[in-house]
Protein backbone atom coordinates (compact mmCIF):
# COMPACT_ATOMS: atom_id res chain seq x y z
CA MET A 1 -0.02 -10.27 68.84
CA LYS A 2 2.69 -7.50 68.90
CA LYS A 3 5.39 -7.18 66.44
CA ILE A 4 7.98 -4.31 66.53
CA LEU A 5 11.33 -3.51 64.92
CA VAL A 6 14.33 -3.94 67.13
CA PRO A 7 17.23 -1.86 66.04
CA ALA A 8 19.69 -3.70 68.53
CA ILE A 9 19.14 -6.89 70.50
CA ALA A 10 21.85 -5.72 72.91
CA LEU A 11 19.13 -4.73 75.37
CA ALA A 12 19.08 -7.68 77.61
CA LEU A 13 22.22 -9.65 79.11
CA PRO A 14 20.22 -13.02 79.18
CA VAL A 15 19.44 -12.90 75.56
CA MET A 16 23.02 -11.83 74.53
CA ALA A 17 24.26 -14.91 76.31
CA ILE A 18 23.01 -16.95 73.41
CA ALA A 19 23.60 -14.90 70.45
CA GLN A 20 26.34 -16.05 68.08
CA SER A 21 26.92 -19.79 67.91
CA SER A 22 29.72 -22.05 67.25
CA VAL A 23 28.06 -22.87 63.98
CA ASP A 24 28.39 -19.25 62.83
CA ALA A 25 32.04 -19.13 63.97
CA TYR A 26 32.72 -22.29 62.07
CA ALA A 27 31.11 -21.02 59.02
CA LEU A 28 32.92 -17.68 58.91
CA SER A 29 36.33 -19.34 59.48
CA GLN A 30 36.24 -21.43 56.22
CA GLY A 31 39.33 -20.49 54.03
CA GLU A 32 40.07 -21.26 50.37
CA LEU A 33 43.12 -21.82 48.46
CA ARG A 34 43.21 -18.68 46.20
CA GLY A 35 45.92 -16.74 44.50
CA THR A 36 47.86 -15.98 41.38
CA ALA A 37 47.87 -18.47 38.57
CA ARG A 38 51.30 -19.73 39.31
CA PHE A 39 50.49 -20.21 42.93
CA MET A 40 47.40 -22.01 42.13
CA SER A 41 48.75 -24.23 39.38
CA MET A 42 51.51 -25.49 42.09
CA GLY A 43 48.92 -26.25 44.58
CA GLY A 44 49.80 -23.24 46.77
CA ALA A 45 52.90 -25.05 48.00
CA PHE A 46 54.98 -21.92 48.37
CA THR A 47 55.85 -21.72 52.09
CA ALA A 48 59.46 -22.34 51.07
CA LEU A 49 59.53 -20.78 47.70
CA GLY A 50 58.44 -17.29 48.01
CA GLY A 51 58.83 -14.68 45.22
CA ASP A 52 55.27 -14.66 44.37
CA LEU A 53 52.41 -12.07 45.35
CA SER A 54 50.13 -14.79 46.80
CA ALA A 55 52.97 -16.65 48.65
CA ILE A 56 53.47 -13.40 50.60
CA THR A 57 50.01 -13.95 52.16
CA LEU A 58 51.04 -17.59 52.92
CA ASN A 59 54.48 -16.90 54.38
CA PRO A 60 55.61 -13.10 54.64
CA ALA A 61 59.11 -14.29 54.10
CA SER A 62 58.26 -14.67 50.72
CA ILE A 63 58.74 -10.90 50.02
CA GLY A 64 62.34 -11.18 51.18
CA VAL A 65 63.13 -13.64 48.31
CA TYR A 66 62.33 -10.77 45.79
CA ARG A 67 65.45 -9.35 44.05
CA SER A 68 63.40 -6.73 41.97
CA SER A 69 60.12 -4.78 42.33
CA GLU A 70 56.83 -6.19 40.96
CA ILE A 71 53.34 -5.29 40.25
CA GLY A 72 50.73 -7.89 39.15
CA ALA A 73 46.95 -8.72 39.08
CA THR A 74 44.91 -11.97 38.77
CA LEU A 75 41.54 -12.88 37.33
CA ASP A 76 39.59 -15.85 38.57
CA ILE A 77 36.80 -17.23 36.55
CA ASN A 78 35.12 -19.67 39.03
CA MET A 79 32.43 -22.22 38.06
CA ARG A 80 30.65 -24.21 40.87
CA HIS A 81 28.51 -27.13 40.80
CA TYR A 82 26.52 -28.52 43.96
CA ASN A 83 24.90 -31.87 43.43
CA THR A 84 22.59 -33.55 46.05
CA ASP A 85 20.39 -36.70 45.49
CA VAL A 86 17.64 -34.76 43.90
CA SER A 87 19.01 -31.50 42.44
CA LYS A 88 21.95 -29.98 40.75
CA GLN A 89 22.75 -26.36 41.05
CA SER A 90 25.61 -24.24 39.37
CA GLN A 91 26.87 -20.80 39.29
CA THR A 92 29.73 -18.84 37.63
CA LYS A 93 31.46 -15.80 38.80
CA ALA A 94 34.41 -13.78 37.63
CA PHE A 95 36.44 -11.55 39.72
CA CYS A 96 39.96 -10.05 40.46
CA ASN A 97 41.11 -12.29 43.42
CA ASN A 98 44.59 -10.82 43.86
CA PHE A 99 46.67 -7.74 43.01
CA GLY A 100 49.81 -6.38 44.64
CA TYR A 101 53.03 -4.42 44.56
CA VAL A 102 56.25 -5.15 45.90
CA GLY A 103 59.28 -2.59 46.07
CA VAL A 104 62.85 -3.71 46.63
CA VAL A 105 65.84 -1.61 47.99
CA LYS A 106 69.32 -3.31 47.52
CA LEU A 107 71.66 -2.54 50.35
CA ASP A 108 75.31 -3.14 51.16
CA GLY A 109 76.29 -5.51 54.15
CA ALA A 110 74.63 -8.64 55.74
CA LEU A 111 71.15 -7.27 54.80
CA ARG A 112 71.36 -7.64 51.03
CA THR A 113 67.76 -6.25 50.32
CA PHE A 114 64.88 -4.73 52.31
CA SER A 115 61.46 -5.23 50.61
CA TRP A 116 57.94 -3.81 51.29
CA GLY A 117 54.64 -4.26 49.63
CA ALA A 118 50.87 -3.89 49.59
CA SER A 119 48.47 -6.64 48.30
CA TYR A 120 44.82 -7.61 48.03
CA ALA A 121 43.54 -11.19 48.09
CA ARG A 122 40.12 -12.79 48.28
CA THR A 123 40.81 -15.60 50.96
CA ALA A 124 37.26 -17.15 50.94
CA SER A 125 33.93 -17.36 49.07
CA PHE A 126 30.83 -18.53 50.90
CA ASP A 127 28.64 -19.09 47.82
CA ARG A 128 26.56 -21.99 47.87
CA ILE A 129 23.13 -23.09 46.36
CA VAL A 130 21.60 -26.44 47.53
CA SER A 131 18.15 -28.00 47.32
CA GLY A 132 17.09 -31.45 48.82
CA TYR A 133 14.32 -33.81 49.68
CA ASN A 134 13.94 -36.32 52.52
CA TYR A 135 11.30 -38.97 52.69
CA PRO A 136 10.65 -40.48 55.14
CA THR A 137 11.58 -38.20 57.79
CA HIS A 138 11.27 -40.35 60.94
CA THR A 139 10.78 -37.29 63.09
CA SER A 140 9.92 -33.45 62.83
CA LEU A 141 11.46 -30.21 63.67
CA SER A 142 8.39 -29.64 65.80
CA ASN A 143 9.40 -32.53 67.96
CA TYR A 144 13.06 -31.30 68.53
CA VAL A 145 11.69 -27.82 69.38
CA ALA A 146 9.18 -29.51 71.89
CA ALA A 147 12.08 -31.20 73.67
CA LEU A 148 14.03 -28.06 73.50
CA THR A 149 11.30 -25.98 75.04
CA GLN A 150 10.30 -28.51 78.05
CA GLY A 151 9.89 -26.67 81.45
CA VAL A 152 9.21 -23.32 79.77
CA PRO A 153 5.70 -21.94 81.08
CA GLU A 154 3.65 -21.09 78.01
CA SER A 155 2.71 -17.72 79.58
CA GLU A 156 6.28 -16.83 78.86
CA LEU A 157 5.91 -17.53 75.17
CA THR A 158 2.73 -15.72 74.82
CA PHE A 159 2.36 -12.12 73.56
CA GLU A 160 0.68 -9.63 75.81
CA LYS A 161 -0.33 -6.60 73.67
CA ASP A 162 1.60 -3.57 74.70
CA LYS A 163 3.00 -5.28 77.98
CA TYR A 164 5.09 -8.42 77.10
CA ASP A 165 7.13 -9.37 74.00
CA PRO A 166 8.82 -12.85 74.58
CA TYR A 167 11.48 -12.01 71.95
CA LEU A 168 12.42 -9.01 74.05
CA ASP A 169 11.37 -9.70 77.47
CA SER A 170 12.49 -13.36 77.93
CA SER A 171 15.65 -15.35 77.40
CA HIS A 172 14.00 -18.23 75.80
CA ASP A 173 15.07 -19.53 72.21
CA TRP A 174 13.40 -17.51 69.59
CA LEU A 175 12.74 -20.93 67.77
CA SER A 176 10.63 -21.87 70.77
CA ILE A 177 8.57 -18.70 70.76
CA LEU A 178 8.20 -18.76 66.84
CA ALA A 179 7.05 -22.52 67.08
CA TYR A 180 4.57 -22.03 69.96
CA ASN A 181 2.85 -19.04 68.32
CA SER A 182 2.55 -21.20 65.02
CA TYR A 183 1.02 -24.33 66.79
CA LEU A 184 4.09 -26.55 65.84
CA ILE A 185 4.60 -27.31 69.70
CA ASN A 186 1.51 -27.45 71.85
CA PRO A 187 1.31 -27.81 75.84
CA ILE A 188 -0.02 -31.11 77.08
CA ASN A 189 -0.25 -30.72 80.67
CA ALA A 190 -2.43 -28.41 82.98
CA ALA A 191 0.82 -26.33 84.06
CA GLY A 192 1.40 -25.47 80.47
CA ASP A 193 5.19 -26.29 80.54
CA GLU A 194 5.26 -29.62 78.79
CA TYR A 195 5.21 -29.69 75.06
CA VAL A 196 4.49 -32.27 72.20
CA GLY A 197 5.39 -31.73 68.54
CA LEU A 198 3.36 -32.97 65.54
CA TYR A 199 5.06 -36.33 64.56
CA GLN A 200 3.70 -39.37 66.46
CA ASN A 201 3.91 -43.16 65.91
CA GLY A 202 2.32 -43.76 62.55
CA THR A 203 3.01 -40.20 61.17
CA ASP A 204 4.23 -40.31 57.50
CA GLY A 205 6.26 -37.29 56.57
CA ASP A 206 8.66 -35.62 54.04
CA ALA A 207 10.69 -32.54 53.94
CA THR A 208 12.30 -30.33 51.46
CA TYR A 209 14.97 -27.58 52.03
CA ASP A 210 16.53 -24.83 49.87
CA LEU A 211 19.60 -23.10 51.07
CA ARG A 212 21.41 -20.03 49.35
CA GLU A 213 24.69 -18.74 50.91
CA ARG A 214 26.67 -15.61 49.71
CA GLY A 215 29.67 -13.91 50.82
CA TYR A 216 33.38 -13.49 50.97
CA VAL A 217 36.42 -12.53 53.08
CA ASP A 218 38.97 -10.07 51.62
CA GLU A 219 42.29 -9.38 52.85
CA TYR A 220 44.59 -6.39 52.50
CA ASN A 221 48.14 -6.83 53.60
CA ILE A 222 51.03 -4.49 54.30
CA SER A 223 54.18 -6.44 54.13
CA PHE A 224 57.86 -6.10 54.73
CA GLY A 225 60.95 -8.19 54.95
CA GLY A 226 64.43 -8.91 53.94
CA ASN A 227 67.34 -10.99 52.73
CA VAL A 228 70.14 -11.68 55.21
CA SER A 229 73.36 -12.98 53.26
CA ASP A 230 71.10 -14.83 50.71
CA VAL A 231 70.62 -17.43 53.53
CA VAL A 232 67.83 -16.14 55.71
CA TYR A 233 64.76 -14.37 54.47
CA TRP A 234 62.21 -12.97 56.83
CA GLY A 235 59.03 -11.11 56.64
CA MET A 236 55.88 -9.67 58.40
CA ASN A 237 52.42 -9.03 57.34
CA ILE A 238 49.85 -6.62 58.97
CA GLY A 239 46.64 -7.91 57.64
CA ILE A 240 43.27 -5.86 57.40
CA THR A 241 40.17 -7.88 56.65
CA ASP A 242 36.55 -7.28 55.78
CA LEU A 243 33.67 -9.88 55.57
CA SER A 244 30.12 -10.09 54.11
CA TYR A 245 28.02 -13.37 54.66
CA SER A 246 24.36 -13.83 54.03
CA ARG A 247 22.29 -17.04 54.36
CA ASP A 248 18.72 -17.82 53.23
CA VAL A 249 16.98 -21.00 54.08
CA LEU A 250 13.50 -22.44 53.52
CA TYR A 251 12.54 -25.58 55.12
CA THR A 252 9.32 -27.35 54.73
CA GLU A 253 7.66 -30.28 56.27
CA SER A 254 4.40 -32.26 55.26
CA MET A 255 2.89 -34.79 57.43
CA ALA A 256 0.00 -37.23 57.33
CA ASN A 257 -1.63 -38.77 60.69
CA ALA A 258 0.08 -35.91 62.51
CA TYR A 259 -0.83 -35.20 66.13
CA ILE A 260 -2.56 -31.82 66.03
CA PRO A 261 -4.80 -29.46 67.96
CA ASN A 262 -8.18 -28.82 66.37
CA GLU A 263 -10.11 -25.55 66.50
CA GLN A 264 -11.33 -26.47 69.99
CA GLY A 265 -7.75 -27.19 71.17
CA ARG A 266 -8.31 -30.89 71.38
CA PHE A 267 -5.61 -33.02 70.10
CA VAL A 268 -6.65 -35.27 67.09
CA ASN A 269 -5.00 -36.95 64.07
CA GLY A 270 -4.82 -35.12 60.68
CA ASN A 271 -2.43 -33.65 58.10
CA ALA A 272 0.04 -31.03 58.98
CA GLY A 273 2.75 -29.06 57.53
CA PHE A 274 4.85 -25.91 57.89
CA ASP A 275 7.32 -23.59 56.07
CA LEU A 276 10.21 -22.07 58.04
CA ALA A 277 12.14 -19.36 56.23
CA ASN A 278 15.17 -17.65 57.76
CA SER A 279 17.51 -14.79 56.54
CA GLN A 280 20.71 -14.20 58.23
CA TYR A 281 23.27 -11.38 57.38
CA ILE A 282 26.91 -10.93 58.97
CA SER A 283 29.33 -8.37 58.25
CA GLY A 284 32.72 -7.12 59.87
CA SER A 285 36.11 -6.17 59.72
CA GLY A 286 39.23 -7.50 61.45
CA TRP A 287 42.92 -7.60 61.55
CA ASN A 288 45.85 -10.14 61.88
CA LEU A 289 49.54 -10.56 61.96
CA ASN A 290 51.62 -12.95 60.09
CA PHE A 291 55.37 -13.86 60.65
CA GLY A 292 57.66 -16.00 58.66
CA VAL A 293 61.23 -17.14 57.65
CA ILE A 294 62.67 -18.95 54.90
CA LEU A 295 66.09 -20.64 55.14
CA LYS A 296 68.39 -21.49 52.28
CA PRO A 297 71.22 -23.47 53.56
CA ILE A 298 72.33 -24.46 49.96
CA ASN A 299 71.30 -23.27 46.58
CA GLU A 300 69.25 -26.36 45.79
CA PHE A 301 67.20 -26.62 49.11
CA ARG A 302 64.77 -24.13 51.14
CA ILE A 303 62.99 -24.62 54.27
CA GLY A 304 59.90 -22.26 55.14
CA PHE A 305 58.01 -21.53 58.22
CA SER A 306 55.24 -19.20 59.11
CA ILE A 307 52.53 -18.58 61.85
CA LYS A 308 49.45 -16.59 61.41
CA THR A 309 47.50 -15.22 64.48
CA PRO A 310 43.80 -15.37 64.66
CA THR A 311 41.88 -12.71 62.88
CA TRP A 312 40.32 -10.58 65.36
CA TRP A 313 36.74 -9.78 64.03
CA SER A 314 34.30 -7.14 64.87
CA LEU A 315 30.98 -8.45 63.73
CA GLN A 316 27.49 -7.25 63.15
CA HIS A 317 24.69 -9.70 62.93
CA GLY A 318 21.16 -9.44 61.68
CA SER A 319 18.42 -12.13 61.24
CA VAL A 320 14.67 -12.63 60.88
CA GLY A 321 12.52 -15.73 60.77
CA THR A 322 9.04 -16.37 59.56
CA LEU A 323 6.90 -19.60 60.03
CA ASP A 324 3.65 -20.48 58.33
CA SER A 325 1.78 -23.66 59.48
CA ARG A 326 -1.09 -25.39 58.53
CA ARG A 327 -3.25 -28.40 59.80
CA THR A 328 -6.33 -30.20 58.72
CA PRO A 329 -8.02 -32.45 61.29
CA ASP A 330 -9.24 -35.93 59.91
CA GLY A 331 -12.79 -35.62 58.69
CA SER A 332 -12.66 -31.83 58.35
CA SER A 333 -12.68 -29.79 55.15
CA GLN A 334 -11.26 -26.92 56.92
CA THR A 335 -7.48 -26.03 57.00
CA LEU A 336 -6.50 -24.11 60.03
CA THR A 337 -3.43 -21.81 59.50
CA ALA A 338 -1.04 -19.71 61.65
CA SER A 339 1.70 -17.26 60.66
CA GLU A 340 4.33 -15.88 62.91
CA TYR A 341 7.56 -13.98 62.44
CA THR A 342 10.17 -12.85 64.72
CA ASP A 343 11.48 -9.36 65.61
CA ASP A 344 14.42 -8.18 63.53
CA ALA A 345 17.38 -9.13 65.42
CA SER A 346 20.60 -6.85 65.25
CA TYR A 347 23.46 -7.37 67.67
CA ASP A 348 27.24 -7.39 67.74
CA SER A 349 29.83 -9.94 68.56
CA ARG A 350 33.64 -10.61 68.43
CA LEU A 351 35.40 -13.57 66.94
CA ALA A 352 38.88 -14.75 66.97
CA SER A 353 39.20 -17.03 64.02
CA PRO A 354 41.68 -20.04 63.96
CA TRP A 355 45.46 -19.38 64.02
CA LYS A 356 47.50 -21.06 61.33
CA MET A 357 51.00 -22.62 61.09
CA ASN A 358 52.82 -23.52 57.81
CA VAL A 359 55.83 -25.61 57.31
CA GLY A 360 57.40 -26.27 53.90
CA VAL A 361 60.37 -27.51 52.04
CA ALA A 362 61.42 -26.97 48.41
CA GLY A 363 64.29 -28.20 46.25
CA VAL A 364 65.69 -27.49 42.83
CA ILE A 365 66.33 -30.34 40.59
CA GLY A 366 68.98 -29.73 38.04
CA SER A 367 68.75 -26.19 36.49
CA SER A 368 65.08 -26.40 35.36
CA ALA A 369 62.79 -28.28 37.81
CA ILE A 370 61.16 -27.04 41.30
CA LEU A 371 59.46 -29.45 43.71
CA SER A 372 57.88 -28.11 46.88
CA LEU A 373 55.87 -29.57 49.73
CA ASP A 374 53.79 -27.91 52.46
CA TYR A 375 51.98 -28.72 55.45
CA GLU A 376 49.47 -26.42 57.13
CA TYR A 377 47.71 -26.85 60.43
CA THR A 378 44.64 -24.67 61.33
CA ALA A 379 43.47 -24.52 64.96
CA PHE A 380 39.81 -24.73 64.77
CA PRO A 381 39.18 -25.77 68.36
CA ASP A 382 40.91 -22.51 69.55
CA MET A 383 38.32 -20.21 67.89
CA LYS A 384 36.90 -17.86 70.54
CA VAL A 385 33.56 -15.75 70.62
CA LYS A 386 32.65 -12.86 72.83
CA HIS A 387 29.09 -11.56 73.08
CA GLN A 388 27.96 -7.93 73.62
CA THR A 389 26.51 -7.18 77.07
CA GLY A 390 24.32 -4.19 78.41
CA TYR A 391 22.28 -1.44 76.74
CA TYR A 392 23.95 -0.63 73.34
CA GLY A 393 27.39 -0.90 75.17
CA ASN A 394 30.71 -1.70 73.94
CA ASN A 395 31.44 -4.33 76.50
CA PHE A 396 32.06 -7.97 75.31
CA VAL A 397 32.38 -10.93 77.54
CA GLU A 398 33.60 -14.38 76.73
CA ALA A 399 30.76 -16.71 75.46
CA THR A 400 31.53 -19.64 77.68
CA ALA A 401 28.90 -21.98 76.44
CA VAL A 402 29.63 -21.31 72.65
CA ASN A 403 33.51 -21.66 73.06
CA ASP A 404 32.81 -24.87 74.96
CA ASP A 405 30.76 -26.15 72.04
CA ILE A 406 33.58 -25.21 69.61
CA SER A 407 35.83 -27.31 71.62
CA ALA A 408 33.49 -30.31 71.72
CA TYR A 409 32.69 -30.11 67.96
CA PHE A 410 35.76 -29.21 66.06
CA ARG A 411 39.34 -30.38 65.81
CA GLY A 412 42.33 -28.96 63.90
CA ALA A 413 42.53 -29.15 60.06
CA ASN A 414 45.56 -30.54 58.35
CA THR A 415 46.31 -29.66 54.81
CA LEU A 416 49.02 -30.99 52.51
CA ARG A 417 50.00 -29.13 49.30
CA ILE A 418 52.50 -30.38 46.71
CA GLY A 419 53.61 -28.40 43.64
CA ALA A 420 56.23 -28.87 40.77
CA GLU A 421 57.47 -26.69 38.14
CA TYR A 422 59.51 -27.44 34.93
CA ARG A 423 61.21 -24.70 32.79
CA VAL A 424 60.96 -26.04 29.19
CA THR A 425 62.73 -22.96 27.83
CA PRO A 426 64.03 -19.74 29.65
CA GLN A 427 60.79 -18.25 28.84
CA PHE A 428 58.36 -20.97 28.99
CA SER A 429 57.14 -23.13 32.06
CA VAL A 430 54.72 -25.85 32.80
CA ARG A 431 53.20 -26.61 36.43
CA ALA A 432 51.24 -28.93 38.33
CA GLY A 433 49.97 -29.30 41.88
CA TYR A 434 47.76 -31.06 44.45
CA ALA A 435 46.24 -30.11 47.68
CA TRP A 436 44.28 -32.14 50.31
CA GLN A 437 42.58 -30.75 53.46
CA SER A 438 41.36 -32.92 56.10
CA SER A 439 37.95 -32.58 57.88
CA ASN A 440 37.91 -30.16 60.80
CA LEU A 441 35.00 -32.07 62.55
CA LYS A 442 35.46 -34.37 65.29
CA GLU A 443 34.40 -38.01 64.85
CA GLU A 444 31.30 -37.69 67.13
CA THR A 445 30.23 -34.38 65.20
CA GLU A 446 30.60 -35.95 61.75
CA ASN A 447 28.78 -39.03 62.71
CA GLY A 448 25.91 -37.04 64.09
CA ASP A 449 26.46 -38.42 67.75
CA LEU A 450 26.27 -34.86 69.33
CA GLU A 451 23.55 -32.35 69.64
CA ILE A 452 24.72 -29.26 67.65
CA TYR A 453 23.22 -26.17 69.27
CA THR A 454 22.68 -23.05 67.06
CA SER A 455 21.99 -19.44 68.09
CA GLY A 456 19.17 -18.78 70.58
CA ILE A 457 18.30 -15.53 68.69
CA SER A 458 18.30 -17.07 65.12
CA THR A 459 15.41 -19.27 64.26
CA ASP A 460 17.48 -21.32 61.82
CA PRO A 461 18.34 -24.54 63.27
CA SER A 462 20.12 -25.86 59.90
CA TYR A 463 23.89 -26.13 59.40
CA VAL A 464 26.32 -27.39 56.76
CA PHE A 465 29.67 -29.13 57.80
CA ASN A 466 32.33 -29.40 55.32
CA LYS A 467 34.37 -32.83 54.98
CA THR A 468 37.65 -33.67 53.30
CA SER A 469 38.55 -31.77 49.97
CA ASN A 470 40.92 -32.56 47.26
CA GLN A 471 42.34 -30.25 44.62
CA VAL A 472 44.37 -30.73 41.43
CA SER A 473 45.80 -28.07 39.28
CA LEU A 474 47.83 -27.50 35.93
CA GLY A 475 49.44 -24.35 34.59
CA LEU A 476 51.51 -22.65 32.17
CA GLY A 477 53.92 -19.60 32.29
CA TYR A 478 55.60 -17.27 29.98
CA ARG A 479 58.40 -14.71 30.50
CA TYR A 480 59.54 -11.97 28.32
CA LYS A 481 62.02 -9.63 29.77
CA GLY A 482 60.39 -8.17 32.89
CA TRP A 483 56.79 -9.01 31.74
CA TYR A 484 55.02 -12.32 32.68
CA ILE A 485 51.56 -14.12 32.01
CA ASP A 486 50.60 -17.18 33.78
CA ALA A 487 47.51 -19.37 33.46
CA ALA A 488 46.08 -22.20 35.53
CA TYR A 489 43.30 -24.60 35.60
CA VAL A 490 42.13 -25.74 38.99
CA TYR A 491 39.56 -28.59 39.99
CA LYS A 492 38.49 -29.11 43.57
CA LYS A 493 36.13 -31.72 44.94
CA ARG A 494 34.56 -31.28 48.42
CA ASP A 495 31.94 -33.32 50.31
CA SER A 496 29.57 -31.61 52.73
CA GLN A 497 26.54 -32.53 54.73
CA TYR A 498 23.40 -30.30 55.16
CA HIS A 499 21.59 -30.84 58.51
CA ALA A 500 17.92 -29.44 58.73
CA PHE A 501 18.45 -29.56 62.49
CA THR A 502 20.45 -31.62 64.96
CA ASN A 503 20.16 -35.16 65.96
CA TRP A 504 18.92 -35.55 69.46
CA ASN A 505 17.93 -38.39 72.00
CA GLY A 506 18.45 -41.07 69.25
CA ASN A 507 16.36 -39.16 66.84
CA ILE A 508 17.68 -38.55 63.34
CA ALA A 509 17.10 -35.30 61.73
CA PRO A 510 16.64 -34.87 57.97
CA SER A 511 19.95 -34.40 56.23
CA GLY A 512 21.51 -34.50 52.89
CA SER A 513 24.91 -35.22 51.11
CA ILE A 514 26.27 -32.37 49.05
CA LYS A 515 29.05 -33.01 46.47
CA GLU A 516 30.80 -29.75 45.55
CA HIS A 517 32.79 -29.44 42.21
CA PHE A 518 34.73 -26.37 41.71
CA ASN A 519 36.46 -25.41 38.23
CA SER A 520 38.61 -22.37 37.93
CA ILE A 521 40.50 -20.65 35.12
CA VAL A 522 43.13 -18.39 36.71
CA LEU A 523 44.92 -15.71 34.62
CA SER A 524 47.90 -13.58 36.02
CA THR A 525 49.95 -10.81 34.47
CA GLY A 526 52.46 -8.52 35.91
CA PHE A 527 55.80 -6.78 35.55
CA LYS A 528 59.06 -7.00 37.21
CA PHE A 529 61.38 -3.95 37.40
């Protein structure tokens, strides 16, 4: 069996037609509410407020609200807990999630000020550690792959030394190739194009899974804006982004009374099991534009609006899968084993992330209190993927099937943010906030009624879908002349669902509920001058 390193999978057009999947696009487009301590403590409800380094990323018109220059930085201590029915995992990280500078020039005339600035923000963290167990399984990944592979001649899945490598020389799913060469799926007809999995009536099985995700999205903004007659504040951001994402998954099944081939190739009953390990890495860079305006018809009331274009990503992908199987026929003391691993897949793609719209209102109550309310819409169904074509070329075409999946699986996400601040003394303030985000999954997707297709090159059929999230926050602020220091505590709860593979034809795949709890201590300091 031939195994070779493949430095770039952009060798064959049929293969590239099934590279990046809708699940990849979804995973990479998950944002988080992050920013300065004042921003976080007020639930991020700053679309109409402005005057904050993080608010500039939300609504660029925020930079027009500034009346003096500012420099500041933020430290985020983030503690994450992931709970399933059988395990609890935790991790703690500390990092600078925001820093920036704003310069202001005061002018005469209708344009009262012109401002510019540069800032950095960590807009997403992909960290997740999850372990789970399913018993009974009711089906097997092998049965799903068998259904996926029906009609493919086994000769097109078989290696021929120095002549034919199905990973490179065919357009078939790599998971089919991996499973066939590990005896997870086996032909049952003379033509060799009908397959059966290991699970049958009377099979008793269980499954375990271990998932580790890491990564981030960082955004660097160049911003400028202004103040027109202390009534209209406007702004624009040019965003440069970079991304790093890795995913390691180990999925294991064990079965009694399985349907297996013995050493002579005849089907018998016996014990069976396998370990499927997958590693995936994605990196890339991108850019976006963000436009905003804040209107202040009276001093006590503001209205804000911003629209952010998709981030246009150039992505580099890498993945590898390994599968070790074992089977023991009933009455035999000999365990038959098989081991297979894929070629190293490396390819490029293009992704347009969801565009976003923010609308907000804010009011001043008396001379000491501020109350603000935001609504955000994130257009997940409008994500677009392009795949590389040709031999090491720089040509990309629309991935029609993947984009159809995106439209079928996802809906727009709605986010509400509420924030309040009360100035106890001229120097000391207290704050509170709340944020709620809806699920971005269509009802059929969330209920498991649709077959979810993952990449044909990746041999990882698993995925995690996020559901509704809720976030509450409290904070304090202190000002002394031009210097300020702010602190916030933020608690976020999110429910997610791990799927070992998709439900199909009425078969329910192993899955597990994940309850994610995020606790953050955010500290910001800066100077206005």
